[in-house]
Amino acid sequence: MVTGSVVLVGGDPGIGKSTLVLQAAALLAQDEPVVYVSGEESPEQVAARSQRLGLKGEQLFLVAETHLETILPLLEQARPRLAVIDSIQTIYSDLTESPPGSATQLRESTAALVRLAKKTGICLFIIGHVTKEGAIAGPRVLEHLVDTVLYFENDAGSRYRLIRSVKNRFGSANELGVFVMTDAGLREVRNPSAIFLSNRLESVSGSVVAVIREGNRPLLVEVQALVDETPIVPPRRITVGSDSQRLVLLLAIFNRHSGHSVSGRDVFVNIAGGLRVSETAIDLPLLLAVWSNLVNQPLPRDLVAFGEVGLNGEIRPVFGGEERLQEAWKHGFRKALVPKGNLPRSGRASHGGFRAVETFAACISVLAGDPQFRSDSDSRPASRD
């Protein structure tokens, strides 16, 4: 929290925005004054939630108000360390004739609150709902007004909550927070990699563990692929959790440089756990998952991979290779296919299971010909069909 900063917390209704912000406010209110402005719930409802969560903020003050001209002087007089607006859709100003929740009201109300935060030094948290179109409070009119934007990424039906920083003027963006919803509210998940790999099956073709980075944090995720014959022309290329256009490009590289072809076959790719991955380090494990399912060859359970794949089939290094390998080692992975430029020069790099590869064709040769990189449950040679 930076003095005078404005943080927008967005997500689907019921996903846990109010719960998370109320927990943070109560923790801070043990030492600093905090004002919580509730426009959607009555004081009794907020108090009941606080009691259910076991929150005891000694200096947490609750106000049920939606009138902007009443809220502004109240906050300016109180000068709390933190103020929470829950939610911005309910706030209205007399200076605008539009109804609450409209684009004009949202823009004017948020701009007035931002001016107050900069003037008084109050750290301000604004909660905003995401519509069916994926925009905060209807049109995306608030993001450029605030300093930080936090998004809840997954749906409310999941037990886990992924919160991503998509904008941050005072720190790094694309950081990821992983929480679990419990009866006592949201709790931090200190080892997200274990969560994303918890339901992984053994000896299944089309499954590869990738090491990605979310901000400064390396994470292990499972990449799943399913290749199936289809009479549909053109065949379908569907991906969940990664870029669909990049999948088309990678499959063209696969057809050209792997010695196999997925032409005439549907290809489905899934990043298990509901995480969305945008970095190119997912290229190599994605293609390995496609190859594994196509030839029906399970890969070693303790194998990880990462690397960008170029148009000529070359494997390019990615940022933070050593940190990725350290994360994989910590979780018991002893084999790795990585770009040559990412192989550490000392320590565990001498382990025989860490193999540097320069081309995708070389990856397939290693997996098909080296017994160390074959699944323990399947010693059959790879099919060329």
Protein backbone atom coordinates (compact mmCIF):
# COMPACT_ATOMS: atom_id res chain seq x y z
CA MET A 1 0.00 0.00 0.00
CA VAL A 2 1.46 3.32 -1.11
CA THR A 3 0.35 6.61 0.41
CA GLY A 4 -2.22 8.26 -1.83
CA SER A 5 -2.49 5.25 -4.15
CA VAL A 6 -5.76 3.94 -5.61
CA VAL A 7 -6.19 0.19 -6.10
CA LEU A 8 -9.00 -1.27 -8.20
CA VAL A 9 -10.03 -4.83 -7.28
CA GLY A 10 -12.11 -6.48 -10.01
CA GLY A 11 -13.78 -9.83 -10.39
CA ASP A 12 -17.03 -11.70 -10.92
CA PRO A 13 -19.80 -11.19 -8.36
CA GLY A 14 -19.43 -13.56 -5.40
CA ILE A 15 -15.83 -14.51 -6.11
CA GLY A 16 -14.46 -13.07 -2.85
CA LYS A 17 -13.51 -9.43 -3.53
CA SER A 18 -15.28 -8.03 -0.47
CA THR A 19 -14.02 -10.88 1.71
CA LEU A 20 -10.38 -10.34 0.73
CA VAL A 21 -10.49 -6.55 1.13
CA LEU A 22 -12.36 -6.80 4.44
CA GLN A 23 -9.73 -9.20 5.77
CA ALA A 24 -6.92 -6.86 4.70
CA ALA A 25 -8.74 -3.87 6.20
CA ALA A 26 -9.26 -5.64 9.52
CA LEU A 27 -5.58 -6.59 9.74
CA LEU A 28 -4.47 -3.03 9.07
CA ALA A 29 -7.11 -1.66 11.48
CA GLN A 30 -5.29 -3.30 14.38
CA ASP A 31 -2.75 -0.45 14.17
CA GLU A 32 -4.16 2.18 11.79
CA PRO A 33 -7.62 3.74 11.28
CA VAL A 34 -9.57 2.27 8.35
CA VAL A 35 -12.91 3.40 6.91
CA TYR A 36 -15.02 0.83 5.04
CA VAL A 37 -17.73 2.40 2.88
CA SER A 38 -20.38 -0.19 2.05
CA GLY A 39 -22.79 0.66 -0.74
CA GLU A 40 -24.21 -2.83 -1.32
CA GLU A 41 -24.61 -4.31 2.17
CA SER A 42 -26.04 -2.97 5.39
CA PRO A 43 -23.82 -2.49 8.46
CA GLU A 44 -25.46 -5.56 10.02
CA GLN A 45 -24.52 -7.72 7.04
CA VAL A 46 -20.89 -6.55 7.03
CA ALA A 47 -20.69 -7.03 10.79
CA ALA A 48 -22.08 -10.55 10.50
CA ARG A 49 -19.44 -11.44 7.90
CA SER A 50 -16.70 -9.98 10.10
CA GLN A 51 -17.84 -12.11 13.02
CA ARG A 52 -18.04 -15.22 10.86
CA LEU A 53 -14.47 -14.62 9.66
CA GLY A 54 -13.23 -13.90 13.17
CA LEU A 55 -12.01 -10.38 12.31
CA LYS A 56 -11.19 -7.97 15.13
CA GLY A 57 -10.06 -4.64 13.72
CA GLU A 58 -10.06 -2.21 16.64
CA GLN A 59 -9.99 0.85 14.38
CA LEU A 60 -12.19 -0.38 11.56
CA PHE A 61 -15.07 2.06 11.03
CA LEU A 62 -18.04 1.13 8.84
CA VAL A 63 -20.17 3.54 6.84
CA ALA A 64 -23.21 2.57 4.76
CA GLU A 65 -23.40 5.30 2.15
CA THR A 66 -23.69 5.66 -1.65
CA HIS A 67 -23.83 9.47 -2.01
CA LEU A 68 -20.45 10.74 -3.23
CA GLU A 69 -20.91 14.26 -1.86
CA THR A 70 -21.41 12.72 1.59
CA ILE A 71 -18.49 10.28 1.35
CA LEU A 72 -15.84 12.80 0.25
CA PRO A 73 -16.01 15.20 3.24
CA LEU A 74 -16.34 12.25 5.62
CA LEU A 75 -13.08 10.72 4.39
CA GLU A 76 -11.31 14.07 4.24
CA GLN A 77 -12.20 14.73 7.87
CA ALA A 78 -11.40 11.23 9.15
CA ARG A 79 -8.10 10.90 7.18
CA PRO A 80 -7.83 7.09 7.62
CA ARG A 81 -4.75 5.16 6.55
CA LEU A 82 -6.95 3.07 4.26
CA ALA A 83 -10.41 3.61 2.80
CA VAL A 84 -12.47 0.98 0.99
CA ILE A 85 -15.30 1.66 -1.48
CA ASP A 86 -17.51 -1.45 -1.87
CA SER A 87 -18.52 -1.15 -4.60
CA ILE A 88 -18.04 1.63 -7.13
CA GLN A 89 -21.20 0.62 -9.06
CA THR A 90 -23.38 1.82 -6.21
CA ILE A 91 -21.81 5.28 -5.81
CA TYR A 92 -23.57 8.26 -7.40
CA SER A 93 -22.92 11.99 -7.62
CA ASP A 94 -25.40 14.85 -7.79
CA LEU A 95 -23.23 16.46 -10.46
CA THR A 96 -24.17 13.73 -12.94
CA GLU A 97 -27.72 12.88 -13.95
CA SER A 98 -26.84 9.36 -15.08
CA PRO A 99 -27.96 6.46 -12.86
CA PRO A 100 -25.50 4.66 -10.55
CA GLY A 101 -23.42 2.11 -12.41
CA SER A 102 -23.46 4.00 -15.71
CA ALA A 103 -20.20 4.81 -17.46
CA THR A 104 -20.51 8.52 -16.67
CA GLN A 105 -21.19 7.98 -12.98
CA LEU A 106 -18.35 5.49 -12.71
CA ARG A 107 -15.88 7.83 -14.38
CA GLU A 108 -16.86 10.93 -12.42
CA SER A 109 -17.11 9.18 -9.05
CA THR A 110 -13.79 7.41 -9.46
CA ALA A 111 -12.04 10.59 -10.62
CA ALA A 112 -13.32 12.46 -7.55
CA LEU A 113 -12.15 9.68 -5.23
CA VAL A 114 -8.72 9.63 -6.92
CA ARG A 115 -8.36 13.38 -6.43
CA LEU A 116 -9.22 12.96 -2.75
CA ALA A 117 -6.66 10.17 -2.32
CA LYS A 118 -3.89 12.26 -3.92
CA LYS A 119 -4.81 15.30 -1.85
CA THR A 120 -5.06 13.61 1.54
CA GLY A 121 -2.62 10.69 1.17
CA ILE A 122 -5.34 8.11 1.88
CA CYS A 123 -4.70 4.69 0.37
CA LEU A 124 -7.93 3.84 -1.43
CA PHE A 125 -9.28 0.42 -2.42
CA ILE A 126 -12.13 0.44 -4.94
CA ILE A 127 -14.07 -2.77 -5.61
CA GLY A 128 -15.61 -3.20 -9.06
CA HIS A 129 -17.62 -6.03 -10.56
CA VAL A 130 -16.69 -7.64 -13.87
CA THR A 131 -19.50 -8.02 -16.39
CA LYS A 132 -20.17 -10.99 -18.66
CA GLU A 133 -18.02 -9.29 -21.29
CA GLY A 134 -15.07 -9.30 -18.88
CA ALA A 135 -14.97 -5.54 -18.28
CA ILE A 136 -14.91 -3.88 -14.87
CA ALA A 137 -18.18 -2.11 -14.09
CA GLY A 138 -19.41 -2.38 -17.65
CA PRO A 139 -17.11 -0.39 -19.95
CA ARG A 140 -13.43 -0.45 -19.06
CA VAL A 141 -13.41 3.18 -18.00
CA LEU A 142 -11.65 2.92 -14.64
CA GLU A 143 -8.30 1.25 -15.31
CA HIS A 144 -6.53 4.37 -16.60
CA LEU A 145 -7.71 6.39 -13.59
CA VAL A 146 -6.20 4.20 -10.87
CA ASP A 147 -2.64 3.22 -9.91
CA THR A 148 -3.07 -0.54 -9.53
CA VAL A 149 -5.54 -3.05 -10.99
CA LEU A 150 -6.02 -6.48 -9.42
CA TYR A 151 -8.16 -9.11 -11.15
CA PHE A 152 -9.70 -12.31 -9.84
CA GLU A 153 -9.11 -14.65 -12.78
CA ASN A 154 -11.03 -17.85 -12.07
CA ASP A 155 -14.72 -18.48 -11.45
CA ALA A 156 -16.52 -18.34 -8.13
CA GLY A 157 -17.27 -22.08 -8.23
CA SER A 158 -13.61 -22.95 -7.73
CA ARG A 159 -12.15 -23.35 -4.26
CA TYR A 160 -8.99 -21.53 -5.30
CA ARG A 161 -8.72 -17.87 -6.19
CA LEU A 162 -6.10 -16.49 -8.57
CA ILE A 163 -5.50 -12.76 -8.27
CA ARG A 164 -3.31 -11.09 -10.89
CA SER A 165 -1.83 -7.61 -10.92
CA VAL A 166 -2.36 -6.35 -14.46
CA LYS A 167 -1.28 -2.79 -13.73
CA ASN A 168 0.96 -1.38 -11.02
CA ARG A 169 2.57 2.04 -11.06
CA PHE A 170 4.54 1.33 -7.90
CA GLY A 171 5.81 -2.20 -8.54
CA SER A 172 6.01 -5.06 -10.97
CA ALA A 173 2.89 -6.08 -12.88
CA ASN A 174 1.79 -9.62 -13.75
CA GLU A 175 2.37 -10.79 -10.19
CA LEU A 176 0.06 -13.60 -9.14
CA GLY A 177 -1.52 -14.28 -5.75
CA VAL A 178 -3.01 -17.71 -5.06
CA PHE A 179 -5.60 -18.08 -2.29
CA VAL A 180 -7.94 -20.78 -1.07
CA MET A 181 -11.48 -20.02 0.10
CA THR A 182 -12.21 -21.47 3.55
CA ASP A 183 -14.87 -21.00 6.22
CA ALA A 184 -12.54 -18.43 7.77
CA GLY A 185 -12.15 -16.46 4.55
CA LEU A 186 -9.33 -16.40 2.02
CA ARG A 187 -6.01 -17.94 3.01
CA GLU A 188 -2.71 -17.66 1.17
CA VAL A 189 -1.44 -20.72 -0.71
CA ARG A 190 2.29 -20.73 -0.05
CA ASN A 191 3.06 -23.53 -2.50
CA PRO A 192 0.92 -22.96 -5.63
CA SER A 193 2.89 -25.50 -7.69
CA ALA A 194 1.61 -28.32 -5.48
CA ILE A 195 -1.96 -27.14 -6.09
CA PHE A 196 -1.64 -27.11 -9.88
CA LEU A 197 -0.09 -30.60 -9.88
CA SER A 198 -2.21 -32.18 -7.14
CA ASN A 199 -4.54 -34.18 -9.42
CA ARG A 200 -1.99 -35.25 -12.00
CA LEU A 201 -2.36 -38.86 -13.15
CA GLU A 202 0.52 -41.28 -13.60
CA SER A 203 1.60 -42.81 -16.90
CA VAL A 204 -0.75 -40.84 -19.13
CA SER A 205 0.31 -39.73 -22.58
CA GLY A 206 -0.19 -36.09 -23.46
CA SER A 207 0.81 -34.72 -20.06
CA VAL A 208 3.95 -32.62 -19.44
CA VAL A 209 4.92 -30.41 -16.50
CA ALA A 210 6.04 -26.92 -17.52
CA VAL A 211 7.94 -24.41 -15.40
CA ILE A 212 6.53 -20.93 -16.00
CA ARG A 213 7.04 -17.57 -14.33
CA GLU A 214 4.30 -15.35 -12.99
CA GLY A 215 5.99 -12.07 -12.14
CA ASN A 216 8.94 -13.06 -9.94
CA ARG A 217 7.50 -16.45 -9.01
CA PRO A 218 8.33 -19.70 -10.83
CA LEU A 219 5.38 -22.11 -10.96
CA LEU A 220 4.93 -25.71 -12.05
CA VAL A 221 1.83 -26.36 -14.16
CA GLU A 222 0.58 -29.37 -16.08
CA VAL A 223 0.14 -29.01 -19.83
CA GLN A 224 -2.34 -31.51 -21.28
CA ALA A 225 -2.88 -32.31 -24.96
CA LEU A 226 -5.36 -34.51 -26.78
CA VAL A 227 -4.92 -35.37 -30.48
CA ASP A 228 -7.83 -37.10 -32.18
CA GLU A 229 -8.77 -37.94 -35.76
CA THR A 230 -11.68 -35.96 -37.14
CA PRO A 231 -13.72 -35.75 -40.35
CA ILE A 232 -14.09 -32.00 -39.87
CA VAL A 233 -12.25 -29.78 -42.34
CA PRO A 234 -10.37 -27.80 -41.22
CA PRO A 235 -9.60 -29.69 -37.97
CA ARG A 236 -10.16 -27.88 -34.70
CA ARG A 237 -7.36 -26.27 -32.66
CA ILE A 238 -8.73 -25.44 -29.23
CA THR A 239 -6.71 -24.29 -26.23
CA VAL A 240 -7.73 -23.40 -22.69
CA GLY A 241 -5.27 -21.30 -20.71
CA SER A 242 -2.94 -20.29 -23.55
CA ASP A 243 -2.94 -18.31 -26.80
CA SER A 244 -4.98 -20.06 -29.51
CA GLN A 245 -3.18 -18.25 -32.33
CA ARG A 246 0.19 -19.33 -31.02
CA LEU A 247 -1.06 -22.91 -30.86
CA VAL A 248 -1.73 -22.80 -34.62
CA LEU A 249 1.79 -21.51 -35.22
CA LEU A 250 3.36 -24.17 -32.96
CA LEU A 251 1.47 -26.96 -34.69
CA ALA A 252 2.84 -25.78 -38.03
CA ILE A 253 6.34 -26.02 -36.53
CA PHE A 254 5.45 -29.48 -35.22
CA ASN A 255 4.38 -30.70 -38.66
CA ARG A 256 7.56 -29.38 -40.26
CA HIS A 257 10.23 -30.43 -37.75
CA SER A 258 8.98 -33.39 -35.70
CA GLY A 259 8.68 -36.10 -38.34
CA HIS A 260 4.97 -36.38 -37.46
CA SER A 261 1.86 -34.57 -38.61
CA VAL A 262 -1.36 -33.51 -36.92
CA SER A 263 -3.03 -32.62 -40.20
CA GLY A 264 -6.50 -34.14 -40.27
CA ARG A 265 -6.57 -34.35 -36.47
CA ASP A 266 -8.19 -32.19 -33.83
CA VAL A 267 -5.77 -30.82 -31.23
CA PHE A 268 -6.99 -29.79 -27.79
CA VAL A 269 -4.63 -28.19 -25.25
CA ASN A 270 -5.39 -27.41 -21.62
CA ILE A 271 -3.40 -25.71 -18.85
CA ALA A 272 -4.61 -27.62 -15.80
CA GLY A 273 -5.74 -25.68 -12.74
CA GLY A 274 -7.44 -22.75 -14.47
CA LEU A 275 -4.24 -20.72 -14.90
CA ARG A 276 -3.74 -18.63 -18.03
CA VAL A 277 -0.19 -18.60 -19.38
CA SER A 278 1.01 -15.97 -21.84
CA GLU A 279 4.80 -16.39 -21.85
CA THR A 280 6.61 -18.27 -24.61
CA ALA A 281 8.31 -20.68 -22.18
CA ILE A 282 5.17 -22.84 -22.53
CA ASP A 283 6.01 -23.57 -26.22
CA LEU A 284 8.27 -26.59 -25.67
CA PRO A 285 6.10 -28.43 -23.09
CA LEU A 286 3.01 -27.79 -25.23
CA LEU A 287 4.60 -29.43 -28.27
CA LEU A 288 5.95 -32.28 -26.14
CA ALA A 289 2.44 -32.91 -24.82
CA VAL A 290 1.08 -33.02 -28.37
CA TRP A 291 3.85 -35.44 -29.46
CA SER A 292 3.33 -37.65 -26.39
CA ASN A 293 -0.38 -38.03 -27.05
CA LEU A 294 0.03 -38.46 -30.80
CA VAL A 295 2.47 -41.39 -30.46
CA ASN A 296 0.83 -42.64 -27.23
CA GLN A 297 4.06 -42.48 -25.24
CA PRO A 298 3.79 -41.34 -21.61
CA LEU A 299 6.67 -39.18 -20.44
CA PRO A 300 8.58 -39.63 -17.17
CA ARG A 301 6.59 -38.38 -14.21
CA ASP A 302 9.60 -36.47 -12.87
CA LEU A 303 10.26 -34.63 -16.15
CA VAL A 304 9.83 -30.88 -16.63
CA ALA A 305 10.39 -28.71 -19.68
CA PHE A 306 10.39 -25.08 -20.72
CA GLY A 307 11.62 -23.04 -23.66
CA GLU A 308 10.53 -20.93 -26.60
CA VAL A 309 10.28 -22.68 -29.97
CA GLY A 310 11.29 -20.72 -33.08
CA LEU A 311 9.90 -21.10 -36.59
CA ASN A 312 12.92 -23.18 -37.62
CA GLY A 313 12.37 -25.61 -34.76
CA GLU A 314 15.14 -24.15 -32.61
CA ILE A 315 14.72 -24.01 -28.82
CA ARG A 316 15.39 -20.50 -27.53
CA PRO A 317 16.30 -19.65 -23.91
CA VAL A 318 13.84 -17.85 -21.64
CA PHE A 319 14.28 -15.58 -18.65
CA GLY A 320 15.06 -17.06 -15.22
CA GLY A 321 16.15 -20.54 -16.27
CA GLU A 322 18.09 -21.35 -13.10
CA GLU A 323 15.23 -20.27 -10.82
CA ARG A 324 12.84 -22.47 -12.81
CA LEU A 325 15.11 -25.50 -12.40
CA GLN A 326 15.49 -24.82 -8.67
CA GLU A 327 11.70 -24.77 -8.30
CA ALA A 328 11.41 -28.05 -10.21
CA TRP A 329 14.14 -29.68 -8.13
CA LYS A 330 12.43 -28.58 -4.92
CA HIS A 331 9.29 -30.46 -5.98
CA GLY A 332 11.11 -33.68 -6.78
CA PHE A 333 11.62 -33.35 -10.54
CA ARG A 334 14.96 -34.84 -11.54
CA LYS A 335 14.75 -34.70 -15.34
CA ALA A 336 14.50 -31.59 -17.48
CA LEU A 337 14.58 -30.64 -21.15
CA VAL A 338 15.66 -27.01 -21.33
CA PRO A 339 17.23 -24.61 -23.84
CA LYS A 340 21.00 -24.75 -23.99
CA GLY A 341 21.26 -21.16 -22.78
CA ASN A 342 19.25 -21.94 -19.64
CA LEU A 343 21.32 -24.89 -18.41
CA PRO A 344 23.18 -23.83 -15.21
CA ARG A 345 26.93 -24.19 -15.22
CA SER A 346 27.36 -25.47 -11.69
CA GLY A 347 25.62 -27.23 -8.81
CA ARG A 348 22.76 -29.49 -9.84
CA ALA A 349 23.41 -28.71 -13.51
CA SER A 350 25.80 -31.64 -13.58
CA HIS A 351 22.92 -34.01 -12.86
CA GLY A 352 22.49 -36.31 -15.85
CA GLY A 353 18.74 -35.72 -16.00
CA PHE A 354 19.10 -32.05 -16.92
CA ARG A 355 19.47 -32.10 -20.68
CA ALA A 356 20.11 -29.07 -22.90
CA VAL A 357 18.39 -29.25 -26.29
CA GLU A 358 18.84 -26.97 -29.28
CA THR A 359 16.01 -28.13 -31.55
CA PHE A 360 12.61 -29.70 -31.15
CA ALA A 361 13.74 -32.66 -33.24
CA ALA A 362 16.53 -33.21 -30.70
CA CYS A 363 13.92 -33.29 -27.92
CA ILE A 364 12.04 -36.08 -29.66
CA SER A 365 15.27 -38.00 -30.22
CA VAL A 366 16.07 -37.80 -26.52
CA LEU A 367 12.60 -38.91 -25.47
CA ALA A 368 12.39 -41.72 -28.02
CA GLY A 369 15.94 -43.06 -27.70
CA ASP A 370 17.29 -42.35 -24.21
CA PRO A 371 16.02 -44.89 -21.62
CA GLN A 372 16.50 -42.30 -18.88
CA PHE A 373 13.82 -40.15 -20.48
CA ARG A 374 11.33 -42.95 -21.09
CA SER A 375 8.33 -43.53 -18.86
CA ASP A 376 8.98 -46.35 -16.37
CA SER A 377 5.63 -47.91 -17.25
CA ASP A 378 6.17 -47.94 -21.02
CA SER A 379 9.43 -49.03 -22.57
CA ARG A 380 7.99 -49.52 -26.03
CA PRO A 381 9.59 -47.58 -28.89
CA ALA A 382 7.71 -44.53 -30.07
CA SER A 383 5.31 -45.14 -32.92
CA ARG A 384 5.92 -43.37 -36.21
CA ASP A 385 2.26 -43.57 -37.19
